[in-house]
All heavy atoms as atom14 arrays in JSON, in Angstrom:
{
  "sequence": "SHDNLAAQVVSYELLTNYYQRELLYLRKLKESIALEEPKAYSFNKVS",
  "atom14_mask": [
    [1, 1, 1, 1, 1, 1, 0, 0, 0, 0, 0, 0, 0, 0],
    [1, 1, 1, 1, 1, 1, 1, 1, 1, 1, 0, 0, 0, 0],
    [1, 1, 1, 1, 1, 1, 1, 1, 0, 0, 0, 0, 0, 0],
    [1, 1, 1, 1, 1, 1, 1, 1, 0, 0, 0, 0, 0, 0],
    [1, 1, 1, 1, 1, 1, 1, 1, 0, 0, 0, 0, 0, 0],
    [1, 1, 1, 1, 1, 0, 0, 0, 0, 0, 0, 0, 0, 0],
    [1, 1, 1, 1, 1, 0, 0, 0, 0, 0, 0, 0, 0, 0],
    [1, 1, 1, 1, 1, 1, 1, 1, 1, 0, 0, 0, 0, 0],
    [1, 1, 1, 1, 1, 1, 1, 0, 0, 0, 0, 0, 0, 0],
    [1, 1, 1, 1, 1, 1, 1, 0, 0, 0, 0, 0, 0, 0],
    [1, 1, 1, 1, 1, 1, 0, 0, 0, 0, 0, 0, 0, 0],
    [1, 1, 1, 1, 1, 1, 1, 1, 1, 1, 1, 1, 0, 0],
    [1, 1, 1, 1, 1, 1, 1, 1, 1, 0, 0, 0, 0, 0],
    [1, 1, 1, 1, 1, 1, 1, 1, 0, 0, 0, 0, 0, 0],
    [1, 1, 1, 1, 1, 1, 1, 1, 0, 0, 0, 0, 0, 0],
    [1, 1, 1, 1, 1, 1, 1, 0, 0, 0, 0, 0, 0, 0],
    [1, 1, 1, 1, 1, 1, 1, 1, 0, 0, 0, 0, 0, 0],
    [1, 1, 1, 1, 1, 1, 1, 1, 1, 1, 1, 1, 0, 0],
    [1, 1, 1, 1, 1, 1, 1, 1, 1, 1, 1, 1, 0, 0],
    [1, 1, 1, 1, 1, 1, 1, 1, 1, 0, 0, 0, 0, 0],
    [1, 1, 1, 1, 1, 1, 1, 1, 1, 1, 1, 0, 0, 0],
    [1, 1, 1, 1, 1, 1, 1, 1, 1, 0, 0, 0, 0, 0],
    [1, 1, 1, 1, 1, 1, 1, 1, 0, 0, 0, 0, 0, 0],
    [1, 1, 1, 1, 1, 1, 1, 1, 0, 0, 0, 0, 0, 0],
    [1, 1, 1, 1, 1, 1, 1, 1, 1, 1, 1, 1, 0, 0],
    [1, 1, 1, 1, 1, 1, 1, 1, 0, 0, 0, 0, 0, 0],
    [1, 1, 1, 1, 1, 1, 1, 1, 1, 1, 1, 0, 0, 0],
    [1, 1, 1, 1, 1, 1, 1, 1, 1, 0, 0, 0, 0, 0],
    [1, 1, 1, 1, 1, 1, 1, 1, 0, 0, 0, 0, 0, 0],
    [1, 1, 1, 1, 1, 1, 1, 1, 1, 0, 0, 0, 0, 0],
    [1, 1, 1, 1, 1, 1, 1, 1, 1, 0, 0, 0, 0, 0],
    [1, 1, 1, 1, 1, 1, 0, 0, 0, 0, 0, 0, 0, 0],
    [1, 1, 1, 1, 1, 1, 1, 1, 0, 0, 0, 0, 0, 0],
    [1, 1, 1, 1, 1, 0, 0, 0, 0, 0, 0, 0, 0, 0],
    [1, 1, 1, 1, 1, 1, 1, 1, 0, 0, 0, 0, 0, 0],
    [1, 1, 1, 1, 1, 1, 1, 1, 1, 0, 0, 0, 0, 0],
    [1, 1, 1, 1, 1, 1, 1, 1, 1, 0, 0, 0, 0, 0],
    [1, 1, 1, 1, 1, 1, 1, 0, 0, 0, 0, 0, 0, 0],
    [1, 1, 1, 1, 1, 1, 1, 1, 1, 0, 0, 0, 0, 0],
    [1, 1, 1, 1, 1, 0, 0, 0, 0, 0, 0, 0, 0, 0],
    [1, 1, 1, 1, 1, 1, 1, 1, 1, 1, 1, 1, 0, 0],
    [1, 1, 1, 1, 1, 1, 0, 0, 0, 0, 0, 0, 0, 0],
    [1, 1, 1, 1, 1, 1, 1, 1, 1, 1, 1, 0, 0, 0],
    [1, 1, 1, 1, 1, 1, 1, 1, 0, 0, 0, 0, 0, 0],
    [1, 1, 1, 1, 1, 1, 1, 1, 1, 0, 0, 0, 0, 0],
    [1, 1, 1, 1, 1, 1, 1, 0, 0, 0, 0, 0, 0, 0],
    [1, 1, 1, 1, 1, 1, 0, 0, 0, 0, 0, 0, 0, 0]
  ],
  "atom14_positions": [
    [[25.7, 0.01, -14.94], [25.19, -0.52, -16.19], [23.68, -0.47, -16.27], [23.13, -0.52, -17.43], [25.72, -1.93, -16.38], [25.15, -2.76, -15.35], [0.0, 0.0, 0.0], [0.0, 0.0, 0.0], [0.0, 0.0, 0.0], [0.0, 0.0, 0.0], [0.0, 0.0, 0.0], [0.0, 0.0, 0.0], [0.0, 0.0, 0.0], [0.0, 0.0, 0.0]],
    [[23.06, -0.41, -15.1], [21.54, -0.48, -15.2], [20.8, 0.55, -14.42], [19.5, 0.47, -14.26], [21.13, -1.94, -14.65], [21.35, -2.98, -15.69], [22.6, -3.47, -15.99], [20.44, -3.73, -16.33], [22.5, -4.41, -16.9], [21.2, -4.6, -17.17], [0.0, 0.0, 0.0], [0.0, 0.0, 0.0], [0.0, 0.0, 0.0], [0.0, 0.0, 0.0]],
    [[21.4, 1.57, -13.82], [20.68, 2.55, -13.11], [19.77, 3.4, -14.0], [18.72, 3.87, -13.64], [21.61, 3.35, -12.19], [22.47, 4.41, -12.99], [21.86, 5.41, -13.35], [23.61, 4.12, -13.24], [0.0, 0.0, 0.0], [0.0, 0.0, 0.0], [0.0, 0.0, 0.0], [0.0, 0.0, 0.0], [0.0, 0.0, 0.0], [0.0, 0.0, 0.0]],
    [[20.23, 3.57, -15.22], [19.36, 4.37, -16.17], [18.17, 3.63, -16.58], [17.07, 4.2, -16.71], [20.16, 4.75, -17.4], [19.43, 5.64, -18.3], [19.01, 6.75, -17.92], [19.3, 5.24, -19.56], [0.0, 0.0, 0.0], [0.0, 0.0, 0.0], [0.0, 0.0, 0.0], [0.0, 0.0, 0.0], [0.0, 0.0, 0.0], [0.0, 0.0, 0.0]],
    [[18.31, 2.35, -16.68], [17.13, 1.45, -17.0], [16.23, 1.42, -15.83], [15.02, 1.37, -15.96], [17.63, 0.09, -17.38], [16.57, -0.88, -18.02], [15.98, -0.25, -19.27], [17.27, -2.18, -18.41], [0.0, 0.0, 0.0], [0.0, 0.0, 0.0], [0.0, 0.0, 0.0], [0.0, 0.0, 0.0], [0.0, 0.0, 0.0], [0.0, 0.0, 0.0]],
    [[16.78, 1.39, -14.64], [15.9, 1.41, -13.42], [15.2, 2.76, -13.37], [14.03, 2.74, -12.96], [16.83, 1.38, -12.16], [0.0, 0.0, 0.0], [0.0, 0.0, 0.0], [0.0, 0.0, 0.0], [0.0, 0.0, 0.0], [0.0, 0.0, 0.0], [0.0, 0.0, 0.0], [0.0, 0.0, 0.0], [0.0, 0.0, 0.0], [0.0, 0.0, 0.0]],
    [[15.73, 3.87, -13.8], [15.02, 5.21, -13.92], [13.96, 5.09, -14.99], [12.92, 5.66, -14.77], [15.98, 6.26, -14.26], [0.0, 0.0, 0.0], [0.0, 0.0, 0.0], [0.0, 0.0, 0.0], [0.0, 0.0, 0.0], [0.0, 0.0, 0.0], [0.0, 0.0, 0.0], [0.0, 0.0, 0.0], [0.0, 0.0, 0.0], [0.0, 0.0, 0.0]],
    [[14.13, 4.26, -15.96], [13.09, 4.1, -17.02], [11.89, 3.35, -16.41], [10.73, 3.55, -16.85], [13.65, 3.35, -18.23], [14.65, 4.23, -18.97], [15.27, 3.5, -20.16], [14.61, 2.69, -20.81], [16.52, 3.78, -20.46], [0.0, 0.0, 0.0], [0.0, 0.0, 0.0], [0.0, 0.0, 0.0], [0.0, 0.0, 0.0], [0.0, 0.0, 0.0]],
    [[12.11, 2.42, -15.49], [11.06, 1.72, -14.8], [10.29, 2.74, -13.94], [9.02, 2.78, -14.0], [11.63, 0.59, -13.91], [10.51, 0.0, -13.06], [12.42, -0.47, -14.71], [0.0, 0.0, 0.0], [0.0, 0.0, 0.0], [0.0, 0.0, 0.0], [0.0, 0.0, 0.0], [0.0, 0.0, 0.0], [0.0, 0.0, 0.0], [0.0, 0.0, 0.0]],
    [[10.94, 3.61, -13.33], [10.24, 4.64, -12.51], [9.38, 5.58, -13.48], [8.18, 5.85, -13.18], [11.29, 5.53, -11.64], [10.58, 6.65, -11.02], [12.01, 4.64, -10.7], [0.0, 0.0, 0.0], [0.0, 0.0, 0.0], [0.0, 0.0, 0.0], [0.0, 0.0, 0.0], [0.0, 0.0, 0.0], [0.0, 0.0, 0.0], [0.0, 0.0, 0.0]],
    [[10.03, 6.04, -14.5], [9.29, 6.97, -15.43], [8.18, 6.22, -16.08], [7.08, 6.85, -16.38], [10.29, 7.56, -16.44], [10.74, 6.55, -17.31], [0.0, 0.0, 0.0], [0.0, 0.0, 0.0], [0.0, 0.0, 0.0], [0.0, 0.0, 0.0], [0.0, 0.0, 0.0], [0.0, 0.0, 0.0], [0.0, 0.0, 0.0], [0.0, 0.0, 0.0]],
    [[8.27, 4.95, -16.37], [7.22, 4.12, -16.98], [5.95, 4.18, -16.18], [4.9, 4.39, -16.62], [7.63, 2.74, -17.2], [6.52, 1.74, -17.49], [5.99, 1.58, -18.67], [5.95, 0.99, -16.42], [4.92, 0.76, -18.93], [4.88, 0.1, -16.62], [4.43, -0.03, -17.93], [3.36, -0.84, -18.13], [0.0, 0.0, 0.0], [0.0, 0.0, 0.0]],
    [[6.16, 3.98, -14.84], [4.97, 4.0, -13.95], [4.39, 5.41, -13.84], [3.11, 5.42, -13.95], [5.44, 3.58, -12.45], [6.05, 2.21, -12.4], [4.96, 1.12, -12.47], [3.75, 1.49, -12.44], [5.27, -0.12, -12.74], [0.0, 0.0, 0.0], [0.0, 0.0, 0.0], [0.0, 0.0, 0.0], [0.0, 0.0, 0.0], [0.0, 0.0, 0.0]],
    [[5.21, 6.4, -13.82], [4.62, 7.81, -13.72], [3.96, 8.21, -15.02], [2.9, 8.8, -15.02], [5.8, 8.76, -13.4], [6.4, 8.6, -12.07], [7.7, 9.5, -12.0], [5.56, 8.96, -10.92], [0.0, 0.0, 0.0], [0.0, 0.0, 0.0], [0.0, 0.0, 0.0], [0.0, 0.0, 0.0], [0.0, 0.0, 0.0], [0.0, 0.0, 0.0]],
    [[4.6, 7.9, -16.17], [3.97, 8.22, -17.44], [2.76, 7.47, -17.72], [1.69, 8.04, -18.2], [4.98, 8.03, -18.53], [6.15, 9.02, -18.62], [7.21, 8.52, -19.64], [5.58, 10.49, -19.14], [0.0, 0.0, 0.0], [0.0, 0.0, 0.0], [0.0, 0.0, 0.0], [0.0, 0.0, 0.0], [0.0, 0.0, 0.0], [0.0, 0.0, 0.0]],
    [[2.7, 6.19, -17.45], [1.52, 5.3, -17.58], [0.3, 5.92, -16.91], [-0.77, 6.06, -17.46], [1.79, 3.96, -17.21], [2.87, 3.39, -18.04], [0.54, 3.05, -17.5], [0.0, 0.0, 0.0], [0.0, 0.0, 0.0], [0.0, 0.0, 0.0], [0.0, 0.0, 0.0], [0.0, 0.0, 0.0], [0.0, 0.0, 0.0], [0.0, 0.0, 0.0]],
    [[0.48, 6.27, -15.61], [-0.52, 6.87, -14.77], [-1.02, 8.18, -15.38], [-2.23, 8.43, -15.4], [-0.07, 7.06, -13.32], [0.08, 5.64, -12.64], [-0.48, 4.7, -12.95], [0.95, 5.71, -11.56], [0.0, 0.0, 0.0], [0.0, 0.0, 0.0], [0.0, 0.0, 0.0], [0.0, 0.0, 0.0], [0.0, 0.0, 0.0], [0.0, 0.0, 0.0]],
    [[-0.08, 8.96, -15.85], [-0.35, 10.27, -16.35], [-1.22, 10.18, -17.65], [-2.28, 10.82, -17.8], [0.88, 11.08, -16.66], [0.73, 12.46, -17.17], [0.54, 13.58, -16.25], [0.54, 12.71, -18.54], [0.32, 14.87, -16.75], [0.27, 14.04, -18.96], [0.2, 15.1, -18.16], [0.0, 16.36, -18.53], [0.0, 0.0, 0.0], [0.0, 0.0, 0.0]],
    [[-0.72, 9.32, -18.57], [-1.41, 9.11, -19.8], [-2.8, 8.42, -19.67], [-3.78, 8.82, -20.34], [-0.59, 8.32, -20.8], [0.67, 8.94, -21.3], [1.83, 8.25, -21.63], [0.66, 10.36, -21.5], [2.93, 8.91, -22.07], [1.78, 11.02, -21.97], [2.96, 10.23, -22.21], [4.1, 10.87, -22.7], [0.0, 0.0, 0.0], [0.0, 0.0, 0.0]],
    [[-2.91, 7.51, -18.74], [-4.21, 6.84, -18.44], [-5.22, 7.92, -17.92], [-6.38, 7.81, -18.31], [-4.01, 5.73, -17.41], [-3.25, 4.43, -17.97], [-4.05, 3.68, -18.93], [-5.15, 4.06, -19.31], [-3.48, 2.56, -19.46], [0.0, 0.0, 0.0], [0.0, 0.0, 0.0], [0.0, 0.0, 0.0], [0.0, 0.0, 0.0], [0.0, 0.0, 0.0]],
    [[-4.79, 8.83, -17.06], [-5.68, 9.87, -16.53], [-6.07, 10.77, -17.64], [-7.25, 11.19, -17.77], [-5.04, 10.62, -15.44], [-4.91, 9.91, -14.04], [-4.55, 10.81, -12.98], [-3.31, 11.52, -13.17], [-2.18, 11.09, -12.8], [-2.02, 9.9, -12.18], [-1.09, 11.8, -13.0], [0.0, 0.0, 0.0], [0.0, 0.0, 0.0], [0.0, 0.0, 0.0]],
    [[-5.12, 11.0, -18.52], [-5.46, 11.94, -19.73], [-6.37, 11.19, -20.61], [-7.4, 11.84, -21.19], [-4.16, 12.24, -20.45], [-4.31, 13.26, -21.54], [-4.5, 14.69, -20.94], [-4.22, 14.87, -19.79], [-4.84, 15.59, -21.77], [0.0, 0.0, 0.0], [0.0, 0.0, 0.0], [0.0, 0.0, 0.0], [0.0, 0.0, 0.0], [0.0, 0.0, 0.0]],
    [[-6.27, 9.93, -20.94], [-7.14, 9.18, -21.74], [-8.56, 9.15, -21.09], [-9.61, 9.24, -21.82], [-6.59, 7.8, -21.88], [-7.13, 6.9, -23.01], [-6.99, 7.64, -24.35], [-6.47, 5.51, -22.99], [0.0, 0.0, 0.0], [0.0, 0.0, 0.0], [0.0, 0.0, 0.0], [0.0, 0.0, 0.0], [0.0, 0.0, 0.0], [0.0, 0.0, 0.0]],
    [[-8.67, 8.93, -19.8], [-9.95, 8.81, -19.14], [-10.66, 10.15, -19.3], [-11.86, 10.26, -19.57], [-9.74, 8.5, -17.68], [-11.05, 8.53, -16.81], [-11.93, 7.31, -17.34], [-10.65, 8.17, -15.38], [0.0, 0.0, 0.0], [0.0, 0.0, 0.0], [0.0, 0.0, 0.0], [0.0, 0.0, 0.0], [0.0, 0.0, 0.0], [0.0, 0.0, 0.0]],
    [[-9.9, 11.26, -19.1], [-10.48, 12.59, -19.27], [-11.02, 12.88, -20.58], [-12.12, 13.38, -20.78], [-9.41, 13.66, -18.87], [-9.8, 15.08, -19.3], [-10.74, 15.85, -18.61], [-9.25, 15.71, -20.42], [-11.19, 17.14, -19.02], [-9.61, 16.97, -20.9], [-10.55, 17.66, -20.11], [-10.94, 18.86, -20.51], [0.0, 0.0, 0.0], [0.0, 0.0, 0.0]],
    [[-10.19, 12.46, -21.68], [-10.61, 12.7, -23.03], [-11.85, 11.85, -23.38], [-12.76, 12.28, -24.15], [-9.47, 12.33, -23.94], [-8.3, 13.32, -23.99], [-7.14, 12.73, -24.85], [-8.71, 14.61, -24.56], [0.0, 0.0, 0.0], [0.0, 0.0, 0.0], [0.0, 0.0, 0.0], [0.0, 0.0, 0.0], [0.0, 0.0, 0.0], [0.0, 0.0, 0.0]],
    [[-11.9, 10.62, -22.85], [-13.09, 9.84, -23.11], [-14.33, 10.34, -22.45], [-15.44, 10.32, -23.06], [-12.88, 8.35, -22.66], [-11.91, 7.57, -23.65], [-11.5, 6.29, -23.06], [-10.73, 5.52, -24.04], [-9.82, 4.42, -23.81], [-9.9, 4.05, -22.52], [-9.22, 3.88, -24.74], [0.0, 0.0, 0.0], [0.0, 0.0, 0.0], [0.0, 0.0, 0.0]],
    [[-14.23, 10.83, -21.26], [-15.34, 11.44, -20.61], [-15.83, 12.73, -21.38], [-16.92, 13.0, -21.54], [-15.0, 11.86, -19.2], [-14.96, 10.6, -18.27], [-14.7, 10.99, -16.77], [-14.73, 9.77, -15.84], [-14.42, 10.2, -14.46], [0.0, 0.0, 0.0], [0.0, 0.0, 0.0], [0.0, 0.0, 0.0], [0.0, 0.0, 0.0], [0.0, 0.0, 0.0]],
    [[-14.76, 13.48, -21.8], [-15.07, 14.67, -22.56], [-15.81, 14.41, -23.88], [-16.79, 15.03, -24.24], [-13.76, 15.47, -22.94], [-13.88, 16.8, -23.65], [-14.74, 17.76, -22.87], [-12.49, 17.39, -23.88], [0.0, 0.0, 0.0], [0.0, 0.0, 0.0], [0.0, 0.0, 0.0], [0.0, 0.0, 0.0], [0.0, 0.0, 0.0], [0.0, 0.0, 0.0]],
    [[-15.35, 13.28, -24.51], [-16.06, 12.9, -25.76], [-17.48, 12.47, -25.49], [-18.46, 12.84, -26.2], [-15.29, 11.67, -26.35], [-15.91, 11.13, -27.62], [-15.2, 9.85, -28.03], [-15.89, 9.26, -29.29], [-15.31, 7.93, -29.64], [0.0, 0.0, 0.0], [0.0, 0.0, 0.0], [0.0, 0.0, 0.0], [0.0, 0.0, 0.0], [0.0, 0.0, 0.0]],
    [[-17.72, 11.81, -24.4], [-19.11, 11.39, -24.0], [-19.99, 12.58, -23.71], [-21.13, 12.7, -24.05], [-19.04, 10.43, -22.84], [-18.44, 9.15, -23.12], [-18.3, 8.24, -21.92], [-18.7, 8.64, -20.84], [-17.74, 7.09, -22.0], [0.0, 0.0, 0.0], [0.0, 0.0, 0.0], [0.0, 0.0, 0.0], [0.0, 0.0, 0.0], [0.0, 0.0, 0.0]],
    [[-19.42, 13.58, -22.93], [-20.11, 14.76, -22.6], [-20.51, 15.59, -23.87], [-21.54, 16.18, -23.92], [-19.43, 15.59, -21.58], [-18.25, 16.14, -22.14], [0.0, 0.0, 0.0], [0.0, 0.0, 0.0], [0.0, 0.0, 0.0], [0.0, 0.0, 0.0], [0.0, 0.0, 0.0], [0.0, 0.0, 0.0], [0.0, 0.0, 0.0], [0.0, 0.0, 0.0]],
    [[-19.61, 15.7, -24.75], [-19.87, 16.42, -25.96], [-20.95, 15.78, -26.81], [-21.85, 16.38, -27.36], [-18.56, 16.54, -26.85], [-17.56, 17.49, -26.19], [-18.84, 16.99, -28.26], [-16.24, 17.54, -26.8], [0.0, 0.0, 0.0], [0.0, 0.0, 0.0], [0.0, 0.0, 0.0], [0.0, 0.0, 0.0], [0.0, 0.0, 0.0], [0.0, 0.0, 0.0]],
    [[-20.93, 14.46, -26.78], [-21.98, 13.71, -27.56], [-23.3, 13.9, -26.89], [-24.32, 14.07, -27.62], [-21.64, 12.19, -27.62], [0.0, 0.0, 0.0], [0.0, 0.0, 0.0], [0.0, 0.0, 0.0], [0.0, 0.0, 0.0], [0.0, 0.0, 0.0], [0.0, 0.0, 0.0], [0.0, 0.0, 0.0], [0.0, 0.0, 0.0], [0.0, 0.0, 0.0]],
    [[-23.38, 14.01, -25.54], [-24.64, 14.13, -24.85], [-25.17, 15.58, -25.04], [-26.39, 15.82, -25.13], [-24.44, 13.82, -23.38], [-24.18, 12.3, -23.07], [-23.93, 12.17, -21.56], [-25.43, 11.52, -23.38], [0.0, 0.0, 0.0], [0.0, 0.0, 0.0], [0.0, 0.0, 0.0], [0.0, 0.0, 0.0], [0.0, 0.0, 0.0], [0.0, 0.0, 0.0]],
    [[-24.27, 16.53, -25.03], [-24.65, 17.94, -25.1], [-24.77, 18.42, -26.54], [-24.97, 19.67, -26.7], [-23.7, 18.79, -24.31], [-23.63, 18.44, -22.83], [-22.64, 19.18, -22.09], [-22.0, 20.07, -22.7], [-22.44, 18.94, -20.86], [0.0, 0.0, 0.0], [0.0, 0.0, 0.0], [0.0, 0.0, 0.0], [0.0, 0.0, 0.0], [0.0, 0.0, 0.0]],
    [[-24.49, 17.58, -27.49], [-24.46, 18.15, -28.86], [-25.71, 18.88, -29.35], [-25.56, 19.95, -29.96], [-24.17, 17.01, -29.8], [-23.67, 17.43, -31.17], [-23.16, 16.23, -32.05], [-23.36, 15.1, -31.67], [-22.54, 16.54, -33.06], [0.0, 0.0, 0.0], [0.0, 0.0, 0.0], [0.0, 0.0, 0.0], [0.0, 0.0, 0.0], [0.0, 0.0, 0.0]],
    [[-26.89, 18.37, -28.97], [-28.1, 19.15, -29.39], [-28.11, 20.54, -28.83], [-28.52, 21.48, -29.48], [-29.18, 18.37, -28.82], [-28.64, 16.95, -28.75], [-27.24, 17.16, -28.35], [0.0, 0.0, 0.0], [0.0, 0.0, 0.0], [0.0, 0.0, 0.0], [0.0, 0.0, 0.0], [0.0, 0.0, 0.0], [0.0, 0.0, 0.0], [0.0, 0.0, 0.0]],
    [[-27.58, 20.8, -27.53], [-27.6, 22.11, -27.01], [-26.56, 23.03, -27.67], [-26.78, 24.21, -27.66], [-27.17, 21.94, -25.51], [-28.14, 21.14, -24.63], [-27.73, 21.04, -23.26], [-28.71, 20.18, -22.38], [-28.24, 20.08, -20.95], [0.0, 0.0, 0.0], [0.0, 0.0, 0.0], [0.0, 0.0, 0.0], [0.0, 0.0, 0.0], [0.0, 0.0, 0.0]],
    [[-25.58, 22.41, -28.3], [-24.52, 23.24, -28.8], [-25.03, 24.1, -29.99], [-24.55, 25.15, -30.2], [-23.32, 22.29, -29.37], [0.0, 0.0, 0.0], [0.0, 0.0, 0.0], [0.0, 0.0, 0.0], [0.0, 0.0, 0.0], [0.0, 0.0, 0.0], [0.0, 0.0, 0.0], [0.0, 0.0, 0.0], [0.0, 0.0, 0.0], [0.0, 0.0, 0.0]],
    [[-26.09, 23.62, -30.6], [-26.64, 24.44, -31.77], [-27.18, 25.78, -31.31], [-27.32, 26.68, -32.15], [-27.74, 23.56, -32.48], [-27.2, 22.45, -33.23], [-27.36, 21.12, -32.75], [-26.5, 22.56, -34.4], [-26.83, 20.01, -33.38], [-25.94, 21.5, -35.1], [-26.09, 20.19, -34.58], [-25.6, 19.17, -35.31], [0.0, 0.0, 0.0], [0.0, 0.0, 0.0]],
    [[-27.46, 25.91, -29.99], [-27.98, 27.22, -29.56], [-26.9, 28.33, -29.6], [-27.18, 29.44, -29.54], [-28.57, 27.05, -28.16], [-27.46, 26.65, -27.23], [0.0, 0.0, 0.0], [0.0, 0.0, 0.0], [0.0, 0.0, 0.0], [0.0, 0.0, 0.0], [0.0, 0.0, 0.0], [0.0, 0.0, 0.0], [0.0, 0.0, 0.0], [0.0, 0.0, 0.0]],
    [[-25.56, 27.8, -29.77], [-24.53, 28.77, -29.81], [-23.94, 28.93, -31.21], [-22.92, 29.57, -31.4], [-23.37, 28.33, -28.9], [-23.67, 28.2, -27.51], [-23.79, 27.02, -26.8], [-24.06, 29.4, -26.8], [-24.15, 26.93, -25.44], [-24.39, 29.31, -25.41], [-24.44, 28.07, -24.81], [0.0, 0.0, 0.0], [0.0, 0.0, 0.0], [0.0, 0.0, 0.0]],
    [[-24.69, 28.34, -32.16], [-24.04, 28.36, -33.57], [-23.9, 29.78, -34.21], [-23.24, 29.8, -35.17], [-24.87, 27.39, -34.5], [-26.26, 27.85, -34.68], [-26.69, 28.83, -34.14], [-26.93, 27.06, -35.47], [0.0, 0.0, 0.0], [0.0, 0.0, 0.0], [0.0, 0.0, 0.0], [0.0, 0.0, 0.0], [0.0, 0.0, 0.0], [0.0, 0.0, 0.0]],
    [[-24.46, 30.78, -33.61], [-24.38, 32.04, -34.17], [-23.37, 32.91, -33.34], [-23.12, 34.11, -33.65], [-25.69, 32.78, -34.19], [-26.65, 32.14, -35.2], [-27.91, 32.93, -35.27], [-28.96, 32.3, -36.21], [-30.17, 33.04, -36.36], [0.0, 0.0, 0.0], [0.0, 0.0, 0.0], [0.0, 0.0, 0.0], [0.0, 0.0, 0.0], [0.0, 0.0, 0.0]],
    [[-22.75, 32.27, -32.35], [-21.74, 32.99, -31.58], [-20.37, 32.45, -31.94], [-20.04, 31.3, -31.75], [-21.99, 32.76, -30.06], [-20.87, 33.46, -29.19], [-23.37, 33.21, -29.61], [0.0, 0.0, 0.0], [0.0, 0.0, 0.0], [0.0, 0.0, 0.0], [0.0, 0.0, 0.0], [0.0, 0.0, 0.0], [0.0, 0.0, 0.0], [0.0, 0.0, 0.0]],
    [[-19.61, 33.34, -32.54], [-18.3, 32.81, -32.99], [-17.18, 33.83, -32.61], [-17.41, 35.13, -32.46], [-18.25, 32.72, -34.61], [-18.5, 33.91, -35.17], [0.0, 0.0, 0.0], [0.0, 0.0, 0.0], [0.0, 0.0, 0.0], [0.0, 0.0, 0.0], [0.0, 0.0, 0.0], [0.0, 0.0, 0.0], [0.0, 0.0, 0.0], [0.0, 0.0, 0.0]]
  ]
}
């Protein structure tokens, strides 16, 4: 009656860690883009 729910507990831990790492990466990426934004204009003619 509960082994599938126990599997959801396992997947919850794995997914939470995965999504948290993804969120951390995206936030760092957002910060780096904001910092490097002035440099990006040097490429504005390369498309």
